[in-house]
Amino acid sequence: MRTSYRKLAVPGPTLVARGVVILCMMLGLCAFAGAQQGKSAPAKSDLTGHYEGAAKNGAGEVITVTFDLTEKDGAMSGMIHSSHGDFTVTGGSHHGEEVSLEFDAGGPVGTISLKISKDKLAGTWSAGEDGGPVEVKKAAAQEEAPKGKS
């Protein structure tokens, strides 16, 4: 005896198959959307670290410099050590590939404008009427001498 699916009010096999295919497609789209939601623009690099390099002043003199920088939420702080003295970084910011630093130059506020390029920071510095180019590369952090018993 053959029974019609219409008489039993039960969906036919093709209707069930369509429902399963549609359900699988919806779940697949939801999974894909969820996976894409976690992806965003690449995070900018944290500039915290020790940098070594050189700068030139208006007279063309080469000045060895090291930057010990700390970045927190895009704000910069740290120290600049050079053959002309040590200077505290009093402010600054990091937006995209642009970095700006302000430092205490013992009079006028010094500024450094840098661009990030691969493993180095390059740009210009100024303090009062002096200034020039500067370029530093990230280096291994300086280790303090171990404290031991004498």
C-alpha atoms as a PDB file:
ATOM      1  CA  MET A   1       0.000   0.000   0.000  1.00  0.00           C
ATOM      2  CA  ARG A   2       1.324   3.346  -1.038  1.00  0.00           C
ATOM      3  CA  THR A   3       0.711   6.369   1.169  1.00  0.00           C
ATOM      4  CA  SER A   4       0.817   9.928  -0.054  1.00  0.00           C
ATOM      5  CA  TYR A   5       2.774  12.411   2.042  1.00  0.00           C
ATOM      6  CA  ARG A   6      -0.064  14.894   1.562  1.00  0.00           C
ATOM      7  CA  LYS A   7      -2.476  12.668   3.439  1.00  0.00           C
ATOM      8  CA  LEU A   8      -0.154  12.258   6.471  1.00  0.00           C
ATOM      9  CA  ALA A   9       0.817  15.956   6.725  1.00  0.00           C
ATOM     10  CA  VAL A  10       4.498  14.927   6.910  1.00  0.00           C
ATOM     11  CA  PRO A  11       6.998  16.825   4.780  1.00  0.00           C
ATOM     12  CA  GLY A  12       8.413  14.917   1.834  1.00  0.00           C
ATOM     13  CA  PRO A  13      12.086  13.915   1.552  1.00  0.00           C
ATOM     14  CA  THR A  14      12.933  16.747  -0.852  1.00  0.00           C
ATOM     15  CA  LEU A  15      11.429  19.342   1.485  1.00  0.00           C
ATOM     16  CA  VAL A  16      13.438  17.960   4.415  1.00  0.00           C
ATOM     17  CA  ALA A  17      16.627  17.970   2.324  1.00  0.00           C
ATOM     18  CA  ARG A  18      16.070  21.609   1.323  1.00  0.00           C
ATOM     19  CA  GLY A  19      15.568  22.567   4.963  1.00  0.00           C
ATOM     20  CA  VAL A  20      18.802  20.850   5.983  1.00  0.00           C
ATOM     21  CA  VAL A  21      20.751  22.567   3.177  1.00  0.00           C
ATOM     22  CA  ILE A  22      19.346  25.996   4.127  1.00  0.00           C
ATOM     23  CA  LEU A  23      20.121  25.372   7.799  1.00  0.00           C
ATOM     24  CA  CYS A  24      23.720  24.381   6.976  1.00  0.00           C
ATOM     25  CA  MET A  25      24.176  27.484   4.812  1.00  0.00           C
ATOM     26  CA  MET A  26      22.867  29.766   7.594  1.00  0.00           C
ATOM     27  CA  LEU A  27      25.166  28.164  10.180  1.00  0.00           C
ATOM     28  CA  GLY A  28      28.115  28.498   7.793  1.00  0.00           C
ATOM     29  CA  LEU A  29      27.406  32.195   7.219  1.00  0.00           C
ATOM     30  CA  CYS A  30      27.112  32.815  10.967  1.00  0.00           C
ATOM     31  CA  ALA A  31      30.421  31.039  11.616  1.00  0.00           C
ATOM     32  CA  PHE A  32      32.155  33.029   8.857  1.00  0.00           C
ATOM     33  CA  ALA A  33      30.770  36.329  10.184  1.00  0.00           C
ATOM     34  CA  GLY A  34      31.916  35.454  13.708  1.00  0.00           C
ATOM     35  CA  ALA A  35      35.415  34.616  12.508  1.00  0.00           C
ATOM     36  CA  GLN A  36      35.679  37.905  10.616  1.00  0.00           C
ATOM     37  CA  GLN A  37      34.447  39.954  13.559  1.00  0.00           C
ATOM     38  CA  GLY A  38      37.647  39.291  15.531  1.00  0.00           C
ATOM     39  CA  LYS A  39      39.807  40.470  12.652  1.00  0.00           C
ATOM     40  CA  SER A  40      40.564  44.159  12.395  1.00  0.00           C
ATOM     41  CA  ALA A  41      43.289  46.435  11.123  1.00  0.00           C
ATOM     42  CA  PRO A  42      46.743  45.215  12.125  1.00  0.00           C
ATOM     43  CA  ALA A  43      47.659  46.440  15.562  1.00  0.00           C
ATOM     44  CA  LYS A  44      50.255  49.137  15.628  1.00  0.00           C
ATOM     45  CA  SER A  45      53.553  48.124  17.099  1.00  0.00           C
ATOM     46  CA  ASP A  46      54.426  49.052  20.660  1.00  0.00           C
ATOM     47  CA  LEU A  47      57.503  51.277  20.670  1.00  0.00           C
ATOM     48  CA  THR A  48      58.547  50.388  24.208  1.00  0.00           C
ATOM     49  CA  GLY A  49      62.229  49.492  24.187  1.00  0.00           C
ATOM     50  CA  HIS A  50      65.850  50.553  23.852  1.00  0.00           C
ATOM     51  CA  TYR A  51      66.971  52.319  20.653  1.00  0.00           C
ATOM     52  CA  GLU A  52      70.509  53.273  19.568  1.00  0.00           C
ATOM     53  CA  GLY A  53      71.668  55.577  16.813  1.00  0.00           C
ATOM     54  CA  ALA A  54      72.898  59.034  15.951  1.00  0.00           C
ATOM     55  CA  ALA A  55      71.730  62.575  15.400  1.00  0.00           C
ATOM     56  CA  LYS A  56      73.373  65.605  13.830  1.00  0.00           C
ATOM     57  CA  ASN A  57      73.170  69.147  15.110  1.00  0.00           C
ATOM     58  CA  GLY A  58      73.118  72.376  13.088  1.00  0.00           C
ATOM     59  CA  ALA A  59      76.944  72.446  12.996  1.00  0.00           C
ATOM     60  CA  GLY A  60      77.018  68.943  11.449  1.00  0.00           C
ATOM     61  CA  GLU A  61      78.426  67.297  14.577  1.00  0.00           C
ATOM     62  CA  VAL A  62      77.426  63.648  14.984  1.00  0.00           C
ATOM     63  CA  ILE A  63      75.810  62.999  18.370  1.00  0.00           C
ATOM     64  CA  THR A  64      75.438  59.432  19.625  1.00  0.00           C
ATOM     65  CA  VAL A  65      71.985  58.879  21.110  1.00  0.00           C
ATOM     66  CA  THR A  66      70.023  56.161  22.858  1.00  0.00           C
ATOM     67  CA  PHE A  67      66.294  56.295  23.538  1.00  0.00           C
ATOM     68  CA  ASP A  68      64.749  54.287  26.357  1.00  0.00           C
ATOM     69  CA  LEU A  69      61.070  54.606  25.511  1.00  0.00           C
ATOM     70  CA  THR A  70      57.877  53.450  27.156  1.00  0.00           C
ATOM     71  CA  GLU A  71      54.561  53.552  25.321  1.00  0.00           C
ATOM     72  CA  LYS A  72      51.236  53.252  27.102  1.00  0.00           C
ATOM     73  CA  ASP A  73      47.972  53.780  25.209  1.00  0.00           C
ATOM     74  CA  GLY A  74      49.770  55.781  22.503  1.00  0.00           C
ATOM     75  CA  ALA A  75      51.460  58.147  25.018  1.00  0.00           C
ATOM     76  CA  MET A  76      55.253  58.204  25.133  1.00  0.00           C
ATOM     77  CA  SER A  77      57.651  58.629  28.068  1.00  0.00           C
ATOM     78  CA  GLY A  78      61.254  57.698  28.849  1.00  0.00           C
ATOM     79  CA  MET A  79      64.821  58.990  28.642  1.00  0.00           C
ATOM     80  CA  ILE A  80      67.169  60.180  25.917  1.00  0.00           C
ATOM     81  CA  HIS A  81      70.869  59.639  26.568  1.00  0.00           C
ATOM     82  CA  SER A  82      73.358  61.412  24.307  1.00  0.00           C
ATOM     83  CA  SER A  83      76.957  62.545  24.135  1.00  0.00           C
ATOM     84  CA  HIS A  84      75.551  65.998  25.050  1.00  0.00           C
ATOM     85  CA  GLY A  85      73.701  64.838  28.184  1.00  0.00           C
ATOM     86  CA  ASP A  86      70.620  63.022  29.388  1.00  0.00           C
ATOM     87  CA  PHE A  87      67.119  64.335  28.735  1.00  0.00           C
ATOM     88  CA  THR A  88      63.754  63.275  30.146  1.00  0.00           C
ATOM     89  CA  VAL A  89      60.984  62.584  27.640  1.00  0.00           C
ATOM     90  CA  THR A  90      58.179  64.768  29.018  1.00  0.00           C
ATOM     91  CA  GLY A  91      55.502  63.865  26.472  1.00  0.00           C
ATOM     92  CA  GLY A  92      54.778  62.523  23.067  1.00  0.00           C
ATOM     93  CA  SER A  93      52.473  60.333  21.053  1.00  0.00           C
ATOM     94  CA  HIS A  94      52.350  57.475  18.567  1.00  0.00           C
ATOM     95  CA  HIS A  95      49.701  57.579  15.824  1.00  0.00           C
ATOM     96  CA  GLY A  96      50.062  55.117  12.954  1.00  0.00           C
ATOM     97  CA  GLU A  97      53.571  55.501  11.539  1.00  0.00           C
ATOM     98  CA  GLU A  98      54.097  58.924  13.164  1.00  0.00           C
ATOM     99  CA  VAL A  99      55.890  59.383  16.495  1.00  0.00           C
ATOM    100  CA  SER A 100      56.418  62.665  18.303  1.00  0.00           C
ATOM    101  CA  LEU A 101      58.500  63.172  21.438  1.00  0.00           C
ATOM    102  CA  GLU A 102      58.965  66.201  23.669  1.00  0.00           C
ATOM    103  CA  PHE A 103      61.951  66.399  25.983  1.00  0.00           C
ATOM    104  CA  ASP A 104      63.347  68.711  28.658  1.00  0.00           C
ATOM    105  CA  ALA A 105      66.312  70.437  27.018  1.00  0.00           C
ATOM    106  CA  GLY A 106      67.121  72.581  30.052  1.00  0.00           C
ATOM    107  CA  GLY A 107      65.395  75.639  28.590  1.00  0.00           C
ATOM    108  CA  PRO A 108      63.231  75.461  25.511  1.00  0.00           C
ATOM    109  CA  VAL A 109      61.231  72.271  25.063  1.00  0.00           C
ATOM    110  CA  GLY A 110      62.927  69.935  22.617  1.00  0.00           C
ATOM    111  CA  THR A 111      60.903  68.063  20.023  1.00  0.00           C
ATOM    112  CA  ILE A 112      61.574  64.970  17.942  1.00  0.00           C
ATOM    113  CA  SER A 113      59.361  64.020  14.985  1.00  0.00           C
ATOM    114  CA  LEU A 114      59.889  60.471  13.734  1.00  0.00           C
ATOM    115  CA  LYS A 115      58.479  58.036  11.193  1.00  0.00           C
ATOM    116  CA  ILE A 116      58.546  54.288  11.716  1.00  0.00           C
ATOM    117  CA  SER A 117      60.318  52.435   8.924  1.00  0.00           C
ATOM    118  CA  LYS A 118      60.804  48.671   9.384  1.00  0.00           C
ATOM    119  CA  ASP A 119      63.126  48.347  12.396  1.00  0.00           C
ATOM    120  CA  LYS A 120      64.141  52.001  12.733  1.00  0.00           C
ATOM    121  CA  LEU A 121      62.822  55.427  13.680  1.00  0.00           C
ATOM    122  CA  ALA A 122      64.017  58.330  11.539  1.00  0.00           C
ATOM    123  CA  GLY A 123      63.180  62.022  11.489  1.00  0.00           C
ATOM    124  CA  THR A 124      64.286  65.367  12.879  1.00  0.00           C
ATOM    125  CA  TRP A 125      64.913  66.928  16.260  1.00  0.00           C
ATOM    126  CA  SER A 126      64.966  70.525  17.451  1.00  0.00           C
ATOM    127  CA  ALA A 127      65.725  72.364  20.690  1.00  0.00           C
ATOM    128  CA  GLY A 128      65.808  76.123  20.635  1.00  0.00           C
ATOM    129  CA  GLU A 129      67.678  77.190  17.496  1.00  0.00           C
ATOM    130  CA  ASP A 130      69.539  73.897  17.076  1.00  0.00           C
ATOM    131  CA  GLY A 131      68.332  70.735  15.373  1.00  0.00           C
ATOM    132  CA  GLY A 132      68.926  68.232  12.643  1.00  0.00           C
ATOM    133  CA  PRO A 133      68.292  64.663  11.501  1.00  0.00           C
ATOM    134  CA  VAL A 134      68.071  61.687  13.871  1.00  0.00           C
ATOM    135  CA  GLU A 135      67.901  57.947  13.242  1.00  0.00           C
ATOM    136  CA  VAL A 136      67.777  55.102  15.768  1.00  0.00           C
ATOM    137  CA  LYS A 137      67.281  51.335  15.585  1.00  0.00           C
ATOM    138  CA  LYS A 138      65.745  49.093  18.199  1.00  0.00           C
ATOM    139  CA  ALA A 139      68.457  47.270  20.155  1.00  0.00           C
ATOM    140  CA  ALA A 140      68.573  44.762  22.973  1.00  0.00           C
ATOM    141  CA  ALA A 141      67.781  46.294  26.345  1.00  0.00           C
ATOM    142  CA  GLN A 142      70.739  47.195  28.516  1.00  0.00           C
ATOM    143  CA  GLU A 143      71.115  44.830  31.442  1.00  0.00           C
ATOM    144  CA  GLU A 144      72.046  46.214  34.828  1.00  0.00           C
ATOM    145  CA  ALA A 145      75.114  44.777  36.519  1.00  0.00           C
ATOM    146  CA  PRO A 146      74.130  41.951  38.866  1.00  0.00           C
ATOM    147  CA  LYS A 147      74.133  42.933  42.502  1.00  0.00           C
ATOM    148  CA  GLY A 148      76.247  40.560  44.481  1.00  0.00           C
ATOM    149  CA  LYS A 149      78.041  40.401  47.790  1.00  0.00           C
ATOM    150  CA  SER A 150      81.413  42.096  47.950  1.00  0.00           C
END
